Amino acid sequence: MSKTKTKAKPDEEDEAPAKGRSKLVIIALVVVVAAAAAWWFLLRTPAEADAKPKPGEVIALEPIQVNLADGHYLSIGIALQEVEGGHGADGSKALDAVINLYSGRDVKELVKPEVRAELKKELVKEIDELYHHEVMDVYLTSFVTQ
């Protein structure tokens, strides 16, 4: 009996290693993507935006008088709590926001603690936007109605 060896066609020999290499490249790519995803979700440090700002300087502003409804007025003083590294907030934008928020309100409305708390929240939000997140809180230093 004679043993005959059949030789594969030259095209078939080239296809087998090419298929093996493409599978290896795909597996390597999947491993790299999985490692990158694991790093992103588990090991990266939180961004500065996620970190809470540290308090900086408190800037007290002189009290102002705001006209209320029915001839009444409100004398209100505020202080701005800057974030650490703030640029010394000019109080003019904050005082303008106070005037816009409180003007024309009824004095009976302003004496209610829940209303004052809600108005303060609105004021803090407005001032945060006006000062591009460099003021982290607003304190009411005086609040007198007449």
Protein backbone atom coordinates (compact mmCIF):
# COMPACT_ATOMS: atom_id res chain seq x y z
CA MET A 1 0.00 0.00 0.00
CA SER A 2 1.25 3.28 -0.83
CA LYS A 3 0.64 6.20 1.28
CA THR A 4 -0.07 9.26 -0.62
CA LYS A 5 -0.02 12.60 0.92
CA THR A 6 -2.46 15.08 -0.38
CA LYS A 7 -1.27 18.56 -0.35
CA ALA A 8 -3.67 21.33 0.48
CA LYS A 9 -4.21 23.94 -2.08
CA PRO A 10 -2.08 27.04 -1.59
CA ASP A 11 -5.18 29.21 -1.06
CA GLU A 12 -6.39 27.04 1.84
CA GLU A 13 -3.03 27.30 3.63
CA ASP A 14 -3.21 31.13 3.59
CA GLU A 15 -6.83 31.26 4.85
CA ALA A 16 -6.28 29.21 8.03
CA PRO A 17 -3.65 31.49 9.62
CA ALA A 18 -5.58 34.61 8.56
CA LYS A 19 -8.75 33.36 10.28
CA GLY A 20 -6.76 32.54 13.43
CA ARG A 21 -5.20 36.00 13.49
CA SER A 22 -8.54 37.77 13.05
CA LYS A 23 -10.03 35.79 15.95
CA LEU A 24 -7.03 36.69 18.09
CA VAL A 25 -7.39 40.39 17.20
CA ILE A 26 -11.11 40.33 18.07
CA ILE A 27 -10.43 38.66 21.44
CA ALA A 28 -7.67 41.15 22.24
CA LEU A 29 -9.96 44.04 21.32
CA VAL A 30 -12.74 42.72 23.59
CA VAL A 31 -10.26 42.37 26.48
CA VAL A 32 -9.01 45.94 25.99
CA VAL A 33 -12.55 47.34 25.86
CA ALA A 34 -13.53 45.39 28.99
CA ALA A 35 -10.44 46.65 30.84
CA ALA A 36 -11.17 50.25 29.82
CA ALA A 37 -14.79 49.93 30.97
CA ALA A 38 -13.70 48.46 34.31
CA TRP A 39 -11.27 51.33 34.84
CA TRP A 40 -13.92 53.91 33.90
CA PHE A 41 -16.55 52.59 36.29
CA LEU A 42 -14.44 51.32 39.17
CA LEU A 43 -11.01 52.93 39.39
CA ARG A 44 -11.20 56.46 38.07
CA THR A 45 -11.25 59.33 40.55
CA PRO A 46 -14.43 61.41 40.67
CA ALA A 47 -14.44 64.55 38.56
CA GLU A 48 -14.15 67.95 40.23
CA ALA A 49 -17.77 68.63 39.35
CA ASP A 50 -18.81 65.67 41.53
CA ALA A 51 -16.86 66.98 44.53
CA LYS A 52 -18.58 69.40 46.87
CA PRO A 53 -16.99 72.84 46.94
CA LYS A 54 -15.31 73.97 50.14
CA PRO A 55 -16.54 77.16 51.80
CA GLY A 56 -14.48 80.27 51.31
CA GLU A 57 -14.95 83.89 52.35
CA VAL A 58 -18.30 85.26 53.55
CA ILE A 59 -19.13 88.65 52.05
CA ALA A 60 -21.70 90.62 54.09
CA LEU A 61 -23.71 93.18 52.12
CA GLU A 62 -25.38 96.27 53.55
CA PRO A 63 -29.13 95.84 54.17
CA ILE A 64 -31.44 97.29 51.54
CA GLN A 65 -35.09 98.31 51.59
CA VAL A 66 -37.50 96.68 49.17
CA ASN A 67 -41.00 98.00 48.46
CA LEU A 68 -43.72 95.50 49.25
CA ALA A 69 -47.45 95.55 48.44
CA ASP A 70 -49.83 98.06 50.08
CA GLY A 71 -47.14 100.60 51.06
CA HIS A 72 -45.13 98.21 53.23
CA TYR A 73 -41.43 97.63 52.93
CA LEU A 74 -38.84 95.00 53.75
CA SER A 75 -35.38 95.77 55.10
CA ILE A 76 -33.25 92.79 54.16
CA GLY A 77 -29.56 92.10 54.63
CA ILE A 78 -27.71 89.20 53.05
CA ALA A 79 -24.24 87.67 53.13
CA LEU A 80 -22.74 85.60 50.30
CA GLN A 81 -20.80 82.42 51.11
CA GLU A 82 -18.20 82.06 48.38
CA VAL A 83 -16.54 78.81 47.41
CA GLU A 84 -12.89 78.40 48.29
CA GLY A 85 -10.81 80.28 45.74
CA GLY A 86 -13.70 82.57 44.77
CA HIS A 87 -12.96 85.90 43.13
CA GLY A 88 -14.52 88.28 45.67
CA ALA A 89 -18.12 88.44 44.48
CA ASP A 90 -19.43 91.94 43.80
CA GLY A 91 -22.77 92.22 45.60
CA SER A 92 -24.61 94.17 42.91
CA LYS A 93 -26.00 91.12 41.10
CA ALA A 94 -27.11 89.59 44.40
CA LEU A 95 -28.88 92.76 45.53
CA ASP A 96 -30.61 93.03 42.16
CA ALA A 97 -31.82 89.43 42.55
CA VAL A 98 -33.14 90.26 46.05
CA ILE A 99 -35.06 93.26 44.75
CA ASN A 100 -36.56 91.26 41.86
CA LEU A 101 -37.57 88.35 44.10
CA TYR A 102 -39.07 90.26 47.04
CA SER A 103 -40.55 93.41 45.45
CA GLY A 104 -44.32 93.71 45.50
CA ARG A 105 -44.94 90.74 47.81
CA ASP A 106 -47.56 90.86 50.52
CA VAL A 107 -46.17 91.36 54.04
CA LYS A 108 -48.55 88.65 55.34
CA GLU A 109 -46.91 86.21 52.94
CA LEU A 110 -43.36 87.08 54.06
CA VAL A 111 -43.97 86.48 57.78
CA LYS A 112 -44.69 82.78 57.13
CA PRO A 113 -41.53 80.71 57.78
CA GLU A 114 -42.25 78.24 54.98
CA VAL A 115 -42.64 81.08 52.46
CA ARG A 116 -39.37 82.69 53.62
CA ALA A 117 -37.59 79.32 53.29
CA GLU A 118 -38.94 78.82 49.76
CA LEU A 119 -37.95 82.35 48.71
CA LYS A 120 -34.47 81.81 50.13
CA LYS A 121 -34.10 78.61 48.07
CA GLU A 122 -35.06 80.56 44.95
CA LEU A 123 -32.59 83.31 45.87
CA VAL A 124 -29.74 80.83 46.40
CA LYS A 125 -30.46 79.19 43.04
CA GLU A 126 -30.58 82.55 41.24
CA ILE A 127 -27.37 83.81 42.85
CA ASP A 128 -25.59 80.52 42.13
CA GLU A 129 -26.34 81.01 38.43
CA LEU A 130 -25.51 84.73 38.44
CA TYR A 131 -22.09 84.13 39.99
CA HIS A 132 -21.32 80.99 37.92
CA HIS A 133 -21.24 78.64 40.93
CA GLU A 134 -18.74 80.76 42.89
CA VAL A 135 -21.31 81.52 45.62
CA MET A 136 -22.44 78.39 47.42
CA ASP A 137 -24.94 79.85 49.91
CA VAL A 138 -26.77 83.00 50.94
CA TYR A 139 -27.44 83.97 54.53
CA LEU A 140 -30.22 86.34 55.57
CA THR A 141 -28.52 88.63 58.10
CA SER A 142 -31.54 90.84 58.68
CA PHE A 143 -35.21 90.60 57.72
CA VAL A 144 -37.53 93.35 58.97
CA THR A 145 -40.95 94.13 57.53
CA GLN A 146 -43.09 97.18 58.17
